[in-house]
Protein backbone atom coordinates (compact mmCIF):
# COMPACT_ATOMS: atom_id res chain seq x y z
CA UNK A 1 105.47 -6.35 -26.19
CA UNK A 2 108.75 -4.05 -25.08
CA UNK A 3 106.12 -2.40 -22.55
CA UNK A 4 105.10 -5.72 -20.50
CA UNK A 5 108.91 -6.67 -20.79
CA UNK A 6 109.60 -3.11 -19.35
CA UNK A 7 106.82 -3.27 -16.74
CA UNK A 8 108.28 -6.91 -15.47
CA UNK A 9 112.03 -5.58 -15.14
CA UNK A 10 110.57 -2.41 -13.43
CA UNK A 11 108.88 -4.76 -11.04
CA UNK A 12 111.54 -7.05 -10.05
CA UNK A 13 113.50 -3.92 -9.61
CA UNK A 14 111.78 -2.80 -6.67
CA UNK A 15 111.15 -6.02 -5.26
CA UNK A 16 114.94 -6.15 -4.78
CA UNK A 17 114.92 -2.35 -3.59
CA UNK A 18 112.21 -3.28 -0.78
CA UNK A 19 114.13 -6.87 0.21
CA UNK A 20 117.22 -4.86 0.56
CA UNK A 21 115.59 -2.08 2.69
CA UNK A 22 113.43 -5.20 5.00
CA UNK A 23 117.01 -6.79 5.69
CA UNK A 24 118.45 -3.77 7.19
CA UNK A 25 115.70 -3.96 9.14
CA UNK A 26 115.93 -7.39 10.42
CA UNK A 27 116.69 -8.88 13.37
CA UNK A 28 120.54 -10.67 13.68
CA UNK A 29 118.68 -13.84 14.37
CA UNK A 30 117.02 -16.06 11.60
CA UNK A 31 113.28 -16.85 12.82
CA UNK A 32 112.05 -20.19 13.70
CA UNK A 33 111.31 -22.22 10.65
CA UNK A 34 109.62 -24.91 12.92
CA UNK A 35 106.11 -25.39 13.74
CA UNK A 36 104.73 -24.29 17.08
CA UNK A 37 105.08 -26.91 19.65
CA UNK A 38 100.65 -26.61 19.93
CA UNK A 39 100.60 -27.79 16.46
CA UNK A 40 103.31 -30.42 16.73
CA UNK A 41 101.71 -31.69 19.77
CA UNK A 42 97.49 -31.60 18.16
CA UNK A 43 99.31 -33.24 15.03
CA UNK A 44 100.50 -36.12 17.15
CA UNK A 45 97.52 -36.23 18.90
CA UNK A 46 94.83 -35.98 16.27
CA UNK A 47 97.03 -38.65 13.68
CA UNK A 48 95.08 -41.89 12.62
CA UNK A 49 91.90 -42.70 11.37
CA UNK A 50 88.91 -41.64 13.49
CA UNK A 51 85.24 -43.47 13.72
CA UNK A 52 82.23 -42.80 15.43
CA UNK A 53 78.23 -42.85 15.27
CA UNK A 54 75.83 -39.62 16.28
CA UNK A 55 73.50 -37.55 14.88
CA UNK A 56 73.42 -34.46 12.22
CA UNK A 57 71.52 -32.40 11.01
CA UNK A 58 69.95 -33.41 7.63
CA UNK A 59 69.01 -31.04 4.64
CA UNK A 60 65.43 -30.31 6.57
CA UNK A 61 67.26 -29.76 9.53
CA UNK A 62 65.85 -32.80 11.00
CA UNK A 63 68.51 -34.42 13.63
CA UNK A 64 69.26 -38.01 12.24
CA UNK A 65 71.66 -41.07 12.56
CA UNK A 66 75.67 -40.75 11.33
CA UNK A 67 78.30 -42.82 10.88
CA UNK A 68 81.67 -40.59 10.28
CA UNK A 69 85.28 -41.59 9.38
CA UNK A 70 88.25 -38.99 9.95
CA UNK A 71 91.94 -39.55 8.98
CA UNK A 72 93.86 -36.43 10.11
CA UNK A 73 97.39 -36.02 9.63
CA UNK A 74 100.04 -32.87 10.34
CA UNK A 75 100.92 -31.97 6.43
CA UNK A 76 103.45 -29.67 4.80
CA UNK A 77 106.33 -29.44 7.44
CA UNK A 78 103.94 -30.03 10.08
CA UNK A 79 102.72 -26.90 9.80
CA UNK A 80 99.01 -27.87 8.87
CA UNK A 81 96.45 -30.80 10.30
CA UNK A 82 94.97 -32.06 7.13
CA UNK A 83 91.77 -33.51 8.48
CA UNK A 84 89.79 -35.67 5.58
CA UNK A 85 85.84 -36.14 6.92
CA UNK A 86 83.53 -38.62 5.75
CA UNK A 87 79.89 -39.49 6.80
CA UNK A 88 76.70 -40.86 6.20
CA UNK A 89 73.83 -39.28 7.46
CA UNK A 90 70.32 -40.88 7.18
CA UNK A 91 72.16 -42.78 3.75
CA UNK A 92 73.01 -39.42 2.09
CA UNK A 93 76.61 -38.85 1.85
CA UNK A 94 78.72 -35.42 4.00
CA UNK A 95 82.27 -34.94 3.04
CA UNK A 96 84.87 -32.07 4.52
CA UNK A 97 88.41 -31.73 4.00
CA UNK A 98 89.92 -29.33 6.44
CA UNK A 99 93.55 -27.57 7.33
CA UNK A 100 93.75 -26.24 11.04
CA UNK A 101 96.86 -24.29 11.84
CA UNK A 102 98.42 -22.43 14.98
CA UNK A 103 99.58 -18.81 14.83
CA UNK A 104 102.33 -18.70 18.13
CA UNK A 105 102.71 -14.97 18.39
CA UNK A 106 98.89 -14.50 17.91
CA UNK A 107 98.15 -17.77 19.96
CA UNK A 108 94.99 -18.29 17.36
CA UNK A 109 93.71 -21.00 15.57
CA UNK A 110 92.73 -20.47 12.29
CA UNK A 111 90.64 -23.35 10.13
CA UNK A 112 89.73 -23.21 6.47
CA UNK A 113 87.24 -26.41 4.59
CA UNK A 114 85.78 -27.03 1.94
CA UNK A 115 82.71 -29.22 1.85
CA UNK A 116 81.09 -31.45 -0.78
CA UNK A 117 78.27 -29.54 -2.80
CA UNK A 118 80.90 -26.35 -3.95
CA UNK A 119 80.46 -24.98 0.15
CA UNK A 120 83.41 -23.77 2.58
CA UNK A 121 84.16 -22.19 5.61
CA UNK A 122 87.02 -20.23 7.44
CA UNK A 123 87.56 -19.18 10.92
CA UNK A 124 89.61 -18.82 13.99
CA UNK A 125 89.53 -20.15 18.06
CA UNK A 126 91.64 -18.78 20.47
CA UNK A 127 94.04 -20.72 22.46
CA UNK A 128 93.00 -21.95 25.48
CA UNK A 129 93.12 -25.67 26.68
CA UNK A 130 95.59 -27.26 24.86
CA UNK A 131 93.72 -29.98 22.87
CA UNK A 132 90.12 -27.95 22.76
CA UNK A 133 89.44 -25.75 20.52
CA UNK A 134 86.35 -23.41 19.80
CA UNK A 135 86.24 -22.29 16.55
CA UNK A 136 83.87 -19.26 14.74
CA UNK A 137 83.81 -19.60 11.42
CA UNK A 138 81.61 -18.86 8.34
CA UNK A 139 80.45 -20.51 6.06
CA UNK A 140 79.48 -20.08 2.76
CA UNK A 141 77.08 -22.59 0.26
CA UNK A 142 74.68 -23.72 -1.15
CA UNK A 143 72.20 -22.71 1.54
CA UNK A 144 73.60 -19.59 1.81
CA UNK A 145 75.50 -17.78 4.26
CA UNK A 146 75.54 -18.48 7.95
CA UNK A 147 78.18 -18.19 11.17
CA UNK A 148 78.55 -21.55 12.84
CA UNK A 149 80.84 -22.60 15.97
CA UNK A 150 82.74 -26.00 15.84
CA UNK A 151 84.15 -27.13 19.17
CA UNK A 152 86.57 -29.69 19.20
CA UNK A 153 87.74 -31.55 22.03
CA UNK A 154 90.97 -34.13 21.79
CA UNK A 155 92.25 -34.12 25.21
CA UNK A 156 90.93 -37.91 26.01
CA UNK A 157 92.48 -40.60 24.14
CA UNK A 158 90.24 -43.02 25.79
CA UNK A 159 87.36 -41.71 25.21
CA UNK A 160 88.62 -39.89 21.79
CA UNK A 161 87.63 -36.70 19.87
CA UNK A 162 84.35 -34.66 20.29
CA UNK A 163 83.28 -32.59 17.76
CA UNK A 164 80.32 -30.22 17.92
CA UNK A 165 78.97 -28.09 15.62
CA UNK A 166 76.07 -25.33 16.28
CA UNK A 167 75.11 -22.30 13.97
């Protein structure tokens, strides 16, 4: 028991030293703790519940009719946009939750998604036209690993959001 306590105390002491050294190098100005303007704007533009009809791919890679609802809102102090997506593709349900954020320093969007059935995806999109993003995502799921592109266009509020996904 004493060994574990000694290690924890030792690590805490080292962290204190590292923090003190970092404080000496820190700039005089405190970092801006507000989300980047690009993220705030997209969060406002996408907020709400979106309903759509279109087409999707079923488990046999056939195009089928789809109806969907997505709820989007800014969360965690405005640093993440949370989307909850529910669809029926030829009567088969599909659901995912995604979180999207923006890194103002690198000018990149970052997204992580969790899907029903245990699948998940992560990836990035370069900052381009405000409201338009082309994500390149690494996907892992019951059908194996894949890369796909997810195009989002929320630039025309009268038309609504458009999304396409390609392998």
